[in-house]
Amino acid sequence: MASVISLTASVQQRLADALSAALPEAPSADPLLRRSDRADYQANGILALAKRTKSDPRALAARVAEAAAGDPVLADVEVSGPGFLNVTVADRAITENLAARAADEDGRLGVPTAPHPGTTVIDYAQPNVAKEMHVGHLRSAVIGDAMVRLLEFTGETVIPRHHIGDWGTQFGMLIQHLIEHPHELDRSAEQTGDEAASGEAAMSNLDRLYKAARAAFDADEDFRDRSRRRVVALQAGDPATLATWQKFVDESKVYFQAVFHKLDMEVRDENVVGESGYNDMLDETCRLLEEAGVAVRSEGALCVFFDDVKGPDGKQVPLIIRKSDGGYGYAATDVSAVRDRVFHLKASTLLYVVDARQTLHFRMVFETARRMGWLGDGVTAYHLAFGTILGKDGKPFKTRAGESVRLQDLLDEAVERATAVVREKDTRGELTEAEIAERGEQVGIGAVKYADLSTSASRDYKFDLDQMVSLNGDTSVYLQYAYARVRSVLRKAGDTAPVPHPELPLADAERALGLHVDAFGEAVTEAATGYAPHKLTSYLYQLASLFTTFYDQCRILDPQNPRDLVENRLFLSTTTASTLRQGMELLGIRAPERL
């Protein structure tokens, strides 16, 4: 089905046409439309236009209002103040637009796709092999997953990339220890049947092996020597060493998948391309950079220098592509990844969802790629930098012992708190224990995601589970409860169907809700193009709030109401629910039918 033109866009165009009719010498004038608390919209563009054409602004505004008179979408266009226009949309237009959205067979609510979609590679959710995921891994995963969903919804081709840390000198001691103790990563039959149990067992084995290897490395000089030789064997591509290294990668993926499943995220194995995936490109990357004069040798290392990047001593701080000992660091891998994503994956946009502390690193990587001509000319790179998760005390979130909080523990606690809220809310005992557990999972994980996404990515935020699972305030639970309330109303409606009646006048609460539902596509576009999921959370919170006002002020199923009024209010409720559900889905949050 064709997309539905929003009322905002329609009013904008109709006022622009009225402006052109009133002032033919300014055919492309912008009415500068915005939402207003004095009417549905206010147009402010006439003041600047009158000044430019040396006209009386109020007189010009009156001519525009006259030219717009009789338009079926515009119920009233009134001159206000020095030359503003206050615009009220016709009730019929609101209902008809929502009816067109509800009739969209594609389930997109009439939201258009981007006019010129491209291909975006999103680098997010990048845990380290053989290490536990902690609270610091949450934001990249949650923000990245939301951006994948948002961009795909707008028609973009999205290629996820999970740049896991799967290479480095630390693997020498791990591989050597596993070769000498080959059963350390074995799991029992009970531990392999269930994803959560498998993940927990995998991490337990990896953690135990890491501690044992570290203890041996610190205490035994012979083991240290064997471990260092093993690093050389790994980097040289020794088959037996690589096979043992692969066991660590595979076991870590079992653990990663268990955590991502808990987060209700899909991570496909073909999209997991770690540091090792670019090993074969490193030599050529260095050669290309050096031949182009972008990288130069300095004290035995291959470096890229920048005039505006200097250390405390005033000297330039380079991006080190290859170390003086011939080894490669993160820079070589990241620059090679840009090459791969631009030339192999044919990306038009590279989006990196990475901690703000890596801002300087990515600025240097992107500038290096620009100097090589890999970026620019229709290919852009953007670092979606995110802030830190803080505890209630405003300091980085840690355990009481000062250690990083395990992500699995954090999610488990969120589900536990949410389950208690769901059980407490079920005063009539309508939910089974299995349903309470399922809702607790949906509410708890949704609460964690929403708290993260409702904060502008660049800002730090306080992790407060009590607030996150609250039914009051700007929380996912508030949205989920609004959706569940609509579903409850529809169940109570019985045989009465939701049917739009454009001929009916709308109450103020109905108008406010209808106009906001109609603006869903604009909120999605703003969130997607600006890499700003918090714009969508803000829209959804206001939508839930407006529905609550509508629910309180307009008795939906009042038996005293005429049938057409009941049907129209049920229709408005249903369209609101569809919008809430679609919006939450784009954030990776479930919408339970009952709460």
Protein backbone atom coordinates (compact mmCIF):
# COMPACT_ATOMS: atom_id res chain seq x y z
CA MET A 1 0.00 0.00 0.00
CA ALA A 2 1.16 3.57 -0.68
CA SER A 3 2.42 5.56 2.29
CA VAL A 4 0.10 8.03 4.01
CA ILE A 5 1.00 11.72 3.96
CA SER A 6 1.06 12.98 7.52
CA LEU A 7 -1.25 15.81 8.54
CA THR A 8 1.81 17.92 9.38
CA ALA A 9 3.16 17.51 5.84
CA SER A 10 -0.31 18.07 4.37
CA VAL A 11 -0.89 21.28 6.33
CA GLN A 12 2.61 22.48 5.45
CA GLN A 13 1.94 21.99 1.74
CA ARG A 14 -1.52 23.56 1.84
CA LEU A 15 -0.24 26.66 3.61
CA ALA A 16 2.67 26.89 1.16
CA ASP A 17 0.14 26.79 -1.70
CA ALA A 18 -1.95 29.49 0.02
CA LEU A 19 1.18 31.59 0.46
CA SER A 20 2.00 31.27 -3.24
CA ALA A 21 -1.54 32.27 -4.15
CA ALA A 22 -1.43 35.29 -1.84
CA LEU A 23 2.06 36.32 -2.91
CA PRO A 24 2.87 35.00 -6.40
CA GLU A 25 6.28 36.70 -6.39
CA ALA A 26 7.40 34.30 -3.61
CA PRO A 27 6.37 30.88 -5.03
CA SER A 28 8.55 28.71 -2.80
CA ALA A 29 8.08 30.45 0.54
CA ASP A 30 8.20 28.27 3.66
CA PRO A 31 5.33 28.86 6.14
CA LEU A 32 7.58 27.58 8.98
CA LEU A 33 4.97 25.33 10.54
CA ARG A 34 5.25 24.01 14.11
CA ARG A 35 2.93 22.45 16.69
CA SER A 36 1.32 24.96 19.01
CA ASP A 37 -0.56 25.07 22.31
CA ARG A 38 -2.82 27.83 20.88
CA ALA A 39 -4.09 25.68 18.00
CA ASP A 40 -2.98 22.48 16.27
CA TYR A 41 -0.20 24.37 14.43
CA GLN A 42 1.27 27.81 14.17
CA ALA A 43 2.88 29.22 11.00
CA ASN A 44 5.60 31.81 11.68
CA GLY A 45 7.09 32.23 8.20
CA ILE A 46 4.94 35.17 7.16
CA LEU A 47 6.84 37.67 9.34
CA ALA A 48 10.15 37.10 7.55
CA LEU A 49 8.42 36.97 4.16
CA ALA A 50 6.63 40.28 4.81
CA LYS A 51 9.89 41.91 5.81
CA ARG A 52 11.58 40.65 2.66
CA THR A 53 8.76 41.88 0.39
CA LYS A 54 8.16 45.06 2.42
CA SER A 55 4.56 44.02 3.13
CA ASP A 56 2.35 44.48 6.19
CA PRO A 57 2.68 41.11 7.99
CA ARG A 58 -0.88 41.05 9.38
CA ALA A 59 -2.34 42.01 6.03
CA LEU A 60 -0.27 39.33 4.30
CA ALA A 61 -1.34 36.79 6.92
CA ALA A 62 -4.98 37.70 6.31
CA ARG A 63 -4.54 37.17 2.55
CA VAL A 64 -3.00 33.74 3.19
CA ALA A 65 -5.86 32.82 5.56
CA GLU A 66 -8.34 33.87 2.88
CA ALA A 67 -6.53 31.80 0.24
CA ALA A 68 -6.69 28.75 2.55
CA ALA A 69 -10.39 29.19 3.30
CA GLY A 70 -12.54 26.27 2.23
CA ASP A 71 -9.72 23.73 2.33
CA PRO A 72 -11.28 20.49 3.64
CA VAL A 73 -8.24 19.66 5.80
CA LEU A 74 -8.06 23.10 7.44
CA ALA A 75 -10.98 23.79 9.76
CA ASP A 76 -9.71 27.22 10.72
CA VAL A 77 -6.80 29.50 9.81
CA GLU A 78 -6.70 32.52 12.12
CA VAL A 79 -4.38 35.54 12.12
CA SER A 80 -2.69 36.05 15.46
CA GLY A 81 -0.29 38.60 16.95
CA PRO A 82 1.95 40.52 14.55
CA GLY A 83 1.34 38.10 11.67
CA PHE A 84 1.27 34.51 12.88
CA LEU A 85 -1.26 32.00 11.61
CA ASN A 86 -2.97 29.62 14.04
CA VAL A 87 -4.15 26.53 12.17
CA THR A 88 -6.77 24.01 13.30
CA VAL A 89 -7.13 20.74 11.41
CA ALA A 90 -10.61 19.42 10.61
CA ASP A 91 -11.81 16.53 12.77
CA ARG A 92 -12.75 14.60 9.62
CA ALA A 93 -9.21 14.93 8.29
CA ILE A 94 -7.75 13.46 11.50
CA THR A 95 -10.04 10.42 11.46
CA GLU A 96 -9.63 9.84 7.71
CA ASN A 97 -5.85 9.95 7.97
CA LEU A 98 -5.85 7.45 10.82
CA ALA A 99 -8.24 5.22 8.86
CA ALA A 100 -5.81 5.23 5.92
CA ARG A 101 -2.98 4.26 8.29
CA ALA A 102 -5.01 1.45 9.86
CA ALA A 103 -5.82 0.10 6.37
CA ASP A 104 -2.12 -0.33 5.48
CA GLU A 105 -1.89 -4.04 4.62
CA ASP A 106 1.89 -4.01 5.10
CA GLY A 107 1.46 -3.27 8.80
CA ARG A 108 3.59 -0.12 8.52
CA LEU A 109 0.77 2.24 9.54
CA GLY A 110 1.34 4.14 6.33
CA VAL A 111 4.88 5.15 7.27
CA PRO A 112 6.95 5.73 4.11
CA THR A 113 10.41 4.30 3.51
CA ALA A 114 13.37 6.59 2.87
CA PRO A 115 13.41 8.07 -0.66
CA HIS A 116 17.04 7.08 -1.28
CA PRO A 117 17.98 4.15 1.00
CA GLY A 118 21.55 2.93 1.09
CA THR A 119 23.58 0.23 2.79
CA THR A 120 24.66 0.76 6.39
CA VAL A 121 27.13 -1.45 8.21
CA ILE A 122 26.50 -1.16 11.96
CA ASP A 123 29.33 -2.17 14.28
CA TYR A 124 27.84 -2.93 17.72
CA ALA A 125 27.74 -5.51 20.53
CA GLN A 126 31.47 -6.30 20.63
CA PRO A 127 32.29 -8.53 23.63
CA ASN A 128 35.70 -10.11 24.19
CA VAL A 129 36.41 -13.81 23.78
CA ALA A 130 37.11 -15.70 27.03
CA LYS A 131 35.86 -12.77 29.13
CA GLU A 132 32.56 -12.15 30.86
CA MET A 133 30.20 -9.51 29.54
CA HIS A 134 29.68 -6.75 32.09
CA VAL A 135 27.47 -3.68 32.40
CA GLY A 136 29.79 -1.78 30.05
CA HIS A 137 28.65 -4.04 27.18
CA LEU A 138 24.98 -3.15 27.61
CA ARG A 139 24.73 0.17 25.79
CA SER A 140 26.43 -0.87 22.55
CA ALA A 141 24.17 -3.92 22.30
CA VAL A 142 20.90 -2.13 23.11
CA ILE A 143 21.52 1.04 21.08
CA GLY A 144 22.94 -0.92 18.14
CA ASP A 145 20.01 -3.34 18.03
CA ALA A 146 17.54 -0.43 18.06
CA MET A 147 19.40 1.29 15.22
CA VAL A 148 19.33 -1.93 13.15
CA ARG A 149 15.55 -2.13 13.62
CA LEU A 150 14.95 1.57 12.92
CA LEU A 151 17.08 1.73 9.80
CA GLU A 152 15.64 -1.49 8.37
CA PHE A 153 12.14 -0.12 8.94
CA THR A 154 13.00 2.97 6.89
CA GLY A 155 14.12 0.77 3.98
CA GLU A 156 17.87 0.83 4.54
CA THR A 157 19.89 -2.33 3.82
CA VAL A 158 21.58 -3.05 7.14
CA ILE A 159 24.59 -5.33 7.65
CA PRO A 160 25.35 -5.92 11.34
CA ARG A 161 28.96 -6.47 12.37
CA HIS A 162 29.96 -7.73 15.81
CA HIS A 163 33.66 -6.89 16.07
CA ILE A 164 34.46 -9.25 18.95
CA GLY A 165 37.87 -9.20 20.62
CA ASP A 166 39.19 -12.59 19.50
CA TRP A 167 42.89 -11.94 18.88
CA GLY A 168 45.92 -10.87 20.88
CA THR A 169 48.87 -11.96 22.97
CA GLN A 170 46.64 -13.00 25.91
CA PHE A 171 45.60 -16.06 23.91
CA GLY A 172 49.10 -17.50 24.20
CA MET A 173 48.71 -18.48 27.84
CA LEU A 174 45.09 -19.59 27.37
CA ILE A 175 45.85 -21.85 24.42
CA GLN A 176 48.92 -23.29 26.11
CA HIS A 177 46.98 -24.06 29.28
CA LEU A 178 44.18 -25.77 27.34
CA ILE A 179 46.69 -27.85 25.36
CA GLU A 180 48.18 -29.01 28.65
CA HIS A 181 44.71 -29.50 30.25
CA PRO A 182 42.53 -30.52 27.27
CA HIS A 183 39.27 -31.16 29.19
CA GLU A 184 38.97 -27.75 30.88
CA LEU A 185 36.21 -26.60 28.52
CA ASP A 186 34.15 -29.81 28.58
CA ARG A 187 30.48 -29.46 29.53
CA SER A 188 28.15 -32.12 30.93
CA ALA A 189 25.09 -33.34 29.03
CA GLU A 190 22.83 -31.34 31.39
CA GLN A 191 24.75 -28.19 30.58
CA THR A 192 24.38 -28.52 26.81
CA GLY A 193 20.63 -29.00 26.53
CA ASP A 194 19.51 -25.56 27.68
CA GLU A 195 20.79 -22.30 26.18
CA ALA A 196 20.97 -20.43 29.48
CA ALA A 197 22.65 -23.37 31.25
CA SER A 198 25.05 -23.83 28.33
CA GLY A 199 25.97 -20.16 28.41
CA GLU A 200 26.52 -20.10 32.14
CA ALA A 201 28.57 -23.32 32.00
CA ALA A 202 30.65 -21.98 29.10
CA MET A 203 31.47 -18.79 30.97
CA SER A 204 32.19 -20.68 34.17
CA ASN A 205 34.66 -22.93 32.33
CA LEU A 206 36.31 -20.01 30.55
CA ASP A 207 36.60 -18.02 33.76
CA ARG A 208 38.10 -20.94 35.64
CA LEU A 209 40.55 -21.65 32.82
CA TYR A 210 41.57 -17.98 32.56
CA LYS A 211 42.32 -17.77 36.29
CA ALA A 212 44.30 -21.01 36.21
CA ALA A 213 46.28 -19.90 33.14
CA ARG A 214 46.97 -16.50 34.68
CA ALA A 215 48.16 -18.08 37.93
CA ALA A 216 50.49 -20.42 36.03
CA PHE A 217 51.77 -17.56 33.86
CA ASP A 218 52.58 -15.44 36.90
CA ALA A 219 54.21 -18.23 38.90
CA ASP A 220 55.94 -20.48 36.36
CA GLU A 221 58.70 -19.07 34.14
CA ASP A 222 58.73 -22.17 31.94
CA PHE A 223 54.98 -21.79 31.33
CA ARG A 224 55.53 -18.13 30.45
CA ASP A 225 58.10 -19.13 27.85
CA ARG A 226 55.79 -21.79 26.40
CA SER A 227 52.94 -19.25 26.28
CA ARG A 228 55.07 -16.70 24.41
CA ARG A 229 56.12 -19.32 21.90
CA ARG A 230 52.46 -20.21 21.51
CA VAL A 231 51.67 -16.57 20.58
CA VAL A 232 54.26 -16.81 17.81
CA ALA A 233 52.69 -20.08 16.63
CA LEU A 234 49.23 -18.50 16.66
CA GLN A 235 50.31 -15.49 14.62
CA ALA A 236 52.17 -17.78 12.20
CA GLY A 237 48.98 -19.75 11.57
CA ASP A 238 50.04 -23.06 13.12
CA PRO A 239 47.05 -25.42 12.51
CA ALA A 240 47.05 -27.10 15.93
CA THR A 241 47.30 -23.74 17.72
CA LEU A 242 44.54 -22.24 15.60
CA ALA A 243 42.31 -25.24 16.29
CA THR A 244 42.71 -24.75 20.04
CA TRP A 245 42.14 -20.98 19.67
CA GLN A 246 38.91 -21.76 17.79
CA LYS A 247 37.66 -23.70 20.83
CA PHE A 248 37.87 -20.50 22.89
CA VAL A 249 36.00 -18.57 20.22
CA ASP A 250 33.27 -21.21 19.90
CA GLU A 251 32.84 -21.60 23.65
CA SER A 252 32.66 -17.82 24.07
CA LYS A 253 29.99 -17.61 21.37
CA VAL A 254 27.85 -20.06 23.33
CA TYR A 255 28.06 -17.69 26.28
CA PHE A 256 27.51 -14.57 24.15
CA GLN A 257 24.40 -16.05 22.55
CA ALA A 258 22.92 -16.88 25.95
CA VAL A 259 23.32 -13.26 27.05
CA PHE A 260 22.01 -11.85 23.77
CA HIS A 261 19.03 -14.22 23.96
CA LYS A 262 18.32 -12.89 27.46
CA LEU A 263 18.42 -9.39 25.96
CA ASP A 264 15.91 -10.54 23.32
CA MET A 265 18.42 -9.78 20.55
CA GLU A 266 19.19 -11.79 17.44
CA VAL A 267 22.91 -12.11 16.70
CA ARG A 268 23.68 -14.25 13.66
CA ASP A 269 26.96 -16.08 13.47
CA GLU A 270 27.74 -14.80 9.98
CA ASN A 271 27.66 -11.25 11.34
CA VAL A 272 30.23 -12.01 14.06
CA VAL A 273 33.50 -10.93 12.45
CA GLY A 274 36.13 -10.38 15.10
CA GLU A 275 39.58 -8.84 14.96
CA SER A 276 40.94 -12.07 13.49
CA GLY A 277 38.66 -11.69 10.48
CA TYR A 278 40.90 -8.92 9.12
CA ASN A 279 44.29 -10.60 9.72
CA ASP A 280 44.78 -11.39 6.04
CA MET A 281 44.28 -7.72 5.13
CA LEU A 282 46.78 -6.15 7.54
CA ASP A 283 49.93 -6.38 5.40
CA GLU A 284 48.18 -4.94 2.36
CA THR A 285 46.58 -2.17 4.41
CA CYS A 286 50.03 -1.13 5.61
CA ARG A 287 51.42 -1.24 2.08
CA LEU A 288 48.59 0.89 0.69
CA LEU A 289 48.90 3.48 3.45
CA GLU A 290 52.66 3.74 3.06
CA GLU A 291 52.61 3.89 -0.74
CA ALA A 292 50.03 6.68 -0.60
CA GLY A 293 52.15 8.62 1.86
CA VAL A 294 49.32 8.60 4.39
CA ALA A 295 51.40 6.53 6.83
CA VAL A 296 55.10 7.12 7.49
CA ARG A 297 57.76 5.29 9.44
CA SER A 298 58.63 6.80 12.81
CA GLU A 299 61.05 5.18 15.29
CA GLY A 300 60.54 1.85 13.54
CA ALA A 301 56.75 2.00 13.63
CA LEU A 302 54.31 2.77 10.79
CA CYS A 303 52.23 5.79 11.84
CA VAL A 304 49.67 8.29 10.65
CA PHE A 305 50.09 11.80 12.08
CA PHE A 306 47.53 14.57 12.58
CA ASP A 307 48.20 18.27 13.08
CA ASP A 308 45.44 18.65 15.66
CA VAL A 309 46.20 15.55 17.78
CA LYS A 310 48.94 16.29 20.31
CA GLY A 311 50.00 14.98 23.68
CA PRO A 312 50.63 16.96 26.90
CA ASP A 313 54.18 17.66 25.70
CA GLY A 314 52.88 19.34 22.54
CA LYS A 315 54.15 16.58 20.26
CA GLN A 316 51.88 14.94 17.72
CA VAL A 317 50.28 11.69 18.86
CA PRO A 318 50.08 9.28 15.91
CA LEU A 319 47.75 6.46 15.00
CA ILE A 320 50.13 3.49 15.14
CA ILE A 321 49.30 1.13 12.30
CA ARG A 322 52.20 -1.28 12.80
CA LYS A 323 54.38 -1.40 15.90
CA SER A 324 58.17 -1.20 15.84
CA ASP A 325 58.33 -4.95 16.60
CA GLY A 326 56.23 -5.70 13.50
CA GLY A 327 53.05 -6.44 15.45
CA TYR A 328 49.65 -4.98 14.67
CA GLY A 329 47.28 -3.19 17.05
CA TYR A 330 43.65 -2.12 16.96
CA ALA A 331 44.34 0.68 14.46
CA ALA A 332 45.47 -1.67 11.68
CA THR A 333 42.43 -3.87 12.26
CA ASP A 334 39.99 -0.95 12.33
CA VAL A 335 41.41 0.67 9.20
CA SER A 336 41.29 -2.71 7.44
CA ALA A 337 37.68 -3.12 8.56
CA VAL A 338 36.82 0.19 6.88
CA ARG A 339 38.39 -1.13 3.66
CA ASP A 340 36.41 -4.35 3.89
CA ARG A 341 33.11 -2.63 4.62
CA VAL A 342 33.46 -0.06 1.87
CA PHE A 343 34.84 -2.23 -0.94
CA HIS A 344 33.54 -5.72 -0.08
CA LEU A 345 30.24 -4.99 1.66
CA LYS A 346 29.60 -1.92 -0.56
CA ALA A 347 28.51 0.22 2.38
CA SER A 348 27.39 3.80 1.88
CA THR A 349 27.41 4.42 5.65
CA LEU A 350 29.56 2.98 8.44
CA LEU A 351 27.99 3.34 11.87
CA TYR A 352 30.04 2.50 14.97
CA VAL A 353 28.15 2.15 18.26
CA VAL A 354 31.12 2.40 20.60
CA ASP A 355 31.96 4.00 23.96
CA ALA A 356 32.62 7.75 23.87
CA ARG A 357 36.09 7.12 25.29
CA GLN A 358 37.05 5.82 21.83
CA THR A 359 36.14 9.11 20.14
CA LEU A 360 39.71 10.19 19.39
CA HIS A 361 40.64 6.73 18.09
CA PHE A 362 37.76 6.69 15.60
CA ARG A 363 38.37 10.27 14.56
CA MET A 364 41.90 9.26 13.57
CA VAL A 365 40.76 6.04 11.88
CA PHE A 366 38.11 7.90 9.84
CA GLU A 367 40.53 10.66 8.87
CA THR A 368 43.06 8.05 7.74
CA ALA A 369 40.39 6.43 5.57
CA ARG A 370 39.39 9.84 4.15
CA ARG A 371 42.98 10.61 3.20
CA MET A 372 43.05 7.30 1.35
CA GLY A 373 39.85 8.20 -0.48
CA TRP A 374 37.94 5.29 1.09
CA LEU A 375 35.51 7.67 2.80
CA GLY A 376 33.87 10.61 1.08
CA ASP A 377 32.34 10.54 -2.39
CA GLY A 378 29.09 9.01 -1.15
CA VAL A 379 30.54 6.97 1.73
CA THR A 380 30.35 8.32 5.28
CA ALA A 381 31.39 7.05 8.71
CA TYR A 382 29.78 8.04 11.98
CA HIS A 383 30.74 7.22 15.57
CA LEU A 384 27.57 6.92 17.64
CA ALA A 385 29.38 7.53 20.92
CA PHE A 386 27.63 6.59 24.15
CA GLY A 387 28.19 7.66 27.72
CA THR A 388 28.69 5.68 30.92
CA ILE A 389 26.17 3.80 33.05
CA LEU A 390 26.33 5.17 36.59
CA GLY A 391 25.17 3.83 39.93
CA LYS A 392 22.66 5.71 42.09
CA ASP A 393 25.62 7.56 43.64
CA GLY A 394 26.50 9.09 40.27
CA LYS A 395 29.74 7.11 39.99
CA PRO A 396 30.51 4.37 37.42
CA PHE A 397 28.29 1.37 38.17
CA LYS A 398 30.23 -1.20 40.21
CA THR A 399 29.58 -3.98 42.70
CA ARG A 400 30.15 -3.30 46.40
CA ALA A 401 33.55 -4.92 45.98
CA GLY A 402 34.38 -2.33 43.31
CA GLU A 403 34.20 -4.79 40.41
CA SER A 404 32.27 -4.41 37.15
CA VAL A 405 28.70 -5.71 37.40
CA ARG A 406 28.15 -8.90 35.40
CA LEU A 407 25.61 -8.22 32.65
CA GLN A 408 23.89 -11.56 33.27
CA ASP A 409 23.43 -10.70 36.98
CA LEU A 410 22.06 -7.27 36.12
CA LEU A 411 19.49 -8.69 33.70
CA ASP A 412 18.47 -11.43 36.13
CA GLU A 413 17.83 -8.85 38.84
CA ALA A 414 15.80 -6.69 36.46
CA VAL A 415 13.61 -9.66 35.57
CA GLU A 416 13.23 -10.58 39.24
CA ARG A 417 12.11 -7.03 40.15
CA ALA A 418 9.75 -6.84 37.18
CA THR A 419 8.22 -10.23 37.98
CA ALA A 420 7.40 -8.97 41.48
CA VAL A 421 5.69 -5.89 39.95
CA VAL A 422 3.66 -8.04 37.54
CA ARG A 423 2.58 -10.39 40.35
CA GLU A 424 1.60 -7.46 42.58
CA LYS A 425 -0.39 -5.84 39.76
CA ASP A 426 -2.31 -9.07 39.06
CA THR A 427 -4.73 -8.48 41.93
CA ARG A 428 -7.47 -10.63 40.38
CA GLY A 429 -5.21 -13.63 39.80
CA GLU A 430 -5.86 -13.65 36.04
CA LEU A 431 -2.32 -14.73 35.13
CA THR A 432 -0.82 -18.19 35.57
CA GLU A 433 2.65 -18.57 37.10
CA ALA A 434 4.03 -19.25 33.62
CA GLU A 435 2.40 -16.06 32.32
CA ILE A 436 3.75 -14.05 35.26
CA ALA A 437 7.25 -15.37 34.55
CA GLU A 438 6.91 -14.55 30.83
CA ARG A 439 5.59 -11.03 31.54
CA GLY A 440 8.34 -10.53 34.12
CA GLU A 441 10.94 -11.33 31.47
CA GLN A 442 9.32 -8.98 28.93
CA VAL A 443 8.88 -6.14 31.43
CA GLY A 444 12.31 -6.51 33.05
CA ILE A 445 14.33 -6.64 29.83
CA GLY A 446 12.14 -3.91 28.32
CA ALA A 447 12.77 -1.72 31.37
CA VAL A 448 16.55 -2.06 31.03
CA LYS A 449 16.45 -1.31 27.29
CA TYR A 450 14.11 1.64 27.61
CA ALA A 451 16.11 3.27 30.39
CA ASP A 452 19.15 3.11 28.13
CA LEU A 453 17.41 4.23 24.94
CA SER A 454 15.40 7.06 26.53
CA THR A 455 18.65 8.81 27.40
CA SER A 456 20.50 10.60 24.61
CA ALA A 457 23.30 8.17 23.76
CA SER A 458 26.06 10.68 24.45
CA ARG A 459 24.89 11.28 28.02
CA ASP A 460 25.68 9.21 31.11
CA TYR A 461 22.68 7.87 33.03
CA LYS A 462 21.99 6.39 36.46
CA PHE A 463 20.99 2.74 36.60
CA ASP A 464 18.04 2.64 39.02
CA LEU A 465 16.02 -0.57 38.79
CA ASP A 466 13.32 0.70 41.17
CA GLN A 467 12.55 3.55 38.79
CA MET A 468 12.96 1.42 35.66
CA VAL A 469 10.20 -1.03 36.62
CA SER A 470 7.86 1.67 37.94
CA LEU A 471 4.38 1.99 36.45
CA ASN A 472 4.69 5.77 36.81
CA GLY A 473 6.86 8.11 34.81
CA ASP A 474 8.88 7.72 31.64
CA THR A 475 9.41 3.94 31.68
CA SER A 476 8.77 1.06 29.33
CA VAL A 477 6.34 -0.39 31.88
CA TYR A 478 4.16 2.69 31.46
CA LEU A 479 4.07 2.09 27.69
CA GLN A 480 3.44 -1.64 28.08
CA TYR A 481 0.64 -0.97 30.56
CA ALA A 482 -1.00 1.52 28.17
CA TYR A 483 -0.89 -1.10 25.41
CA ALA A 484 -2.28 -3.82 27.70
CA ARG A 485 -5.06 -1.45 28.78
CA VAL A 486 -6.16 -0.99 25.15
CA ARG A 487 -6.16 -4.75 24.63
CA SER A 488 -8.30 -5.10 27.76
CA VAL A 489 -10.79 -2.52 26.44
CA LEU A 490 -11.04 -4.38 23.12
CA ARG A 491 -11.70 -7.68 24.90
CA LYS A 492 -14.48 -6.03 26.92
CA ALA A 493 -15.98 -4.56 23.74
CA GLY A 494 -17.11 -8.02 22.66
CA ASP A 495 -18.86 -7.88 19.30
CA THR A 496 -18.51 -4.10 18.96
CA ALA A 497 -15.87 -3.55 16.28
CA PRO A 498 -13.49 -0.62 16.00
CA VAL A 499 -14.81 1.37 13.03
CA PRO A 500 -13.76 4.88 11.99
CA HIS A 501 -16.51 7.48 11.68
CA PRO A 502 -15.01 10.60 10.04
CA GLU A 503 -18.35 12.38 10.23
CA LEU A 504 -18.21 12.56 14.04
CA PRO A 505 -16.79 15.57 15.89
CA LEU A 506 -13.84 14.82 18.17
CA ALA A 507 -13.35 15.78 21.79
CA ASP A 508 -10.18 17.67 22.69
CA ALA A 509 -8.53 14.53 24.11
CA GLU A 510 -9.43 12.57 20.98
CA ARG A 511 -7.99 15.27 18.73
CA ALA A 512 -4.73 15.48 20.68
CA LEU A 513 -4.32 11.70 20.62
CA GLY A 514 -5.23 11.40 16.93
CA LEU A 515 -2.79 14.11 15.83
CA HIS A 516 0.00 12.48 17.82
CA VAL A 517 -0.70 8.99 16.42
CA ASP A 518 -0.53 10.50 12.94
CA ALA A 519 2.97 11.87 13.66
CA PHE A 520 4.50 8.40 14.24
CA GLY A 521 6.29 8.29 10.88
CA GLU A 522 7.98 11.62 11.50
CA ALA A 523 9.22 10.41 14.90
CA VAL A 524 10.63 7.23 13.33
CA THR A 525 12.37 9.19 10.57
CA GLU A 526 13.89 11.61 13.08
CA ALA A 527 15.13 8.77 15.28
CA ALA A 528 16.58 6.82 12.34
CA THR A 529 18.25 9.63 10.40
CA GLY A 530 19.61 11.28 13.54
CA TYR A 531 20.80 7.98 15.09
CA ALA A 532 18.72 9.05 18.08
CA PRO A 533 16.46 6.31 19.50
CA HIS A 534 15.60 8.63 22.41
CA LYS A 535 13.50 10.67 19.95
CA LEU A 536 11.25 7.64 19.48
CA THR A 537 11.04 6.86 23.22
CA SER A 538 9.98 10.48 23.82
CA TYR A 539 7.27 10.17 21.18
CA LEU A 540 5.99 6.88 22.64
CA TYR A 541 5.90 8.20 26.20
CA GLN A 542 3.82 11.17 25.06
CA LEU A 543 1.58 8.80 23.09
CA ALA A 544 0.95 6.67 26.18
CA SER A 545 0.31 9.82 28.23
CA LEU A 546 -2.19 11.16 25.69
CA PHE A 547 -3.96 7.80 25.61
CA THR A 548 -4.23 7.85 29.41
CA THR A 549 -5.86 11.31 29.23
CA PHE A 550 -8.20 10.11 26.48
CA TYR A 551 -9.07 6.99 28.50
CA ASP A 552 -9.86 9.10 31.58
CA GLN A 553 -11.85 11.82 29.79
CA CYS A 554 -13.65 9.91 27.04
CA ARG A 555 -15.58 6.92 28.30
CA ILE A 556 -14.93 4.43 25.54
CA LEU A 557 -17.51 1.72 26.32
CA ASP A 558 -20.14 3.87 28.07
CA PRO A 559 -23.49 2.18 27.33
CA GLN A 560 -25.09 5.64 27.13
CA ASN A 561 -22.93 6.51 24.12
CA PRO A 562 -24.29 6.06 20.58
CA ARG A 563 -22.87 3.00 18.83
CA ASP A 564 -21.00 5.03 16.21
CA LEU A 565 -19.21 6.99 18.96
CA VAL A 566 -18.19 3.75 20.72
CA GLU A 567 -16.92 2.30 17.45
CA ASN A 568 -14.94 5.45 16.65
CA ARG A 569 -13.32 5.52 20.09
CA LEU A 570 -12.49 1.83 19.82
CA PHE A 571 -10.94 2.59 16.42
CA LEU A 572 -8.81 5.36 17.92
CA SER A 573 -7.78 3.01 20.74
CA THR A 574 -6.86 0.24 18.31
CA THR A 575 -4.76 2.55 16.13
CA THR A 576 -3.00 3.84 19.24
CA ALA A 577 -2.23 0.28 20.31
CA SER A 578 -0.85 -0.62 16.87
CA THR A 579 1.40 2.43 16.99
CA LEU A 580 2.60 1.65 20.51
CA ARG A 581 3.32 -1.97 19.57
CA GLN A 582 5.19 -0.99 16.39
CA GLY A 583 7.17 1.68 18.21
CA MET A 584 8.20 -0.65 21.02
CA GLU A 585 9.14 -3.33 18.48
CA LEU A 586 11.51 -0.86 16.81
CA LEU A 587 13.21 -0.45 20.20
CA GLY A 588 13.39 -4.20 20.79
CA ILE A 589 10.75 -4.10 23.56
CA ARG A 590 7.89 -6.59 23.85
CA ALA A 591 4.25 -5.52 24.20
CA PRO A 592 2.37 -8.01 26.45
CA GLU A 593 -1.33 -8.45 25.73
CA ARG A 594 -2.12 -8.56 29.46
CA LEU A 595 -0.44 -6.96 32.45
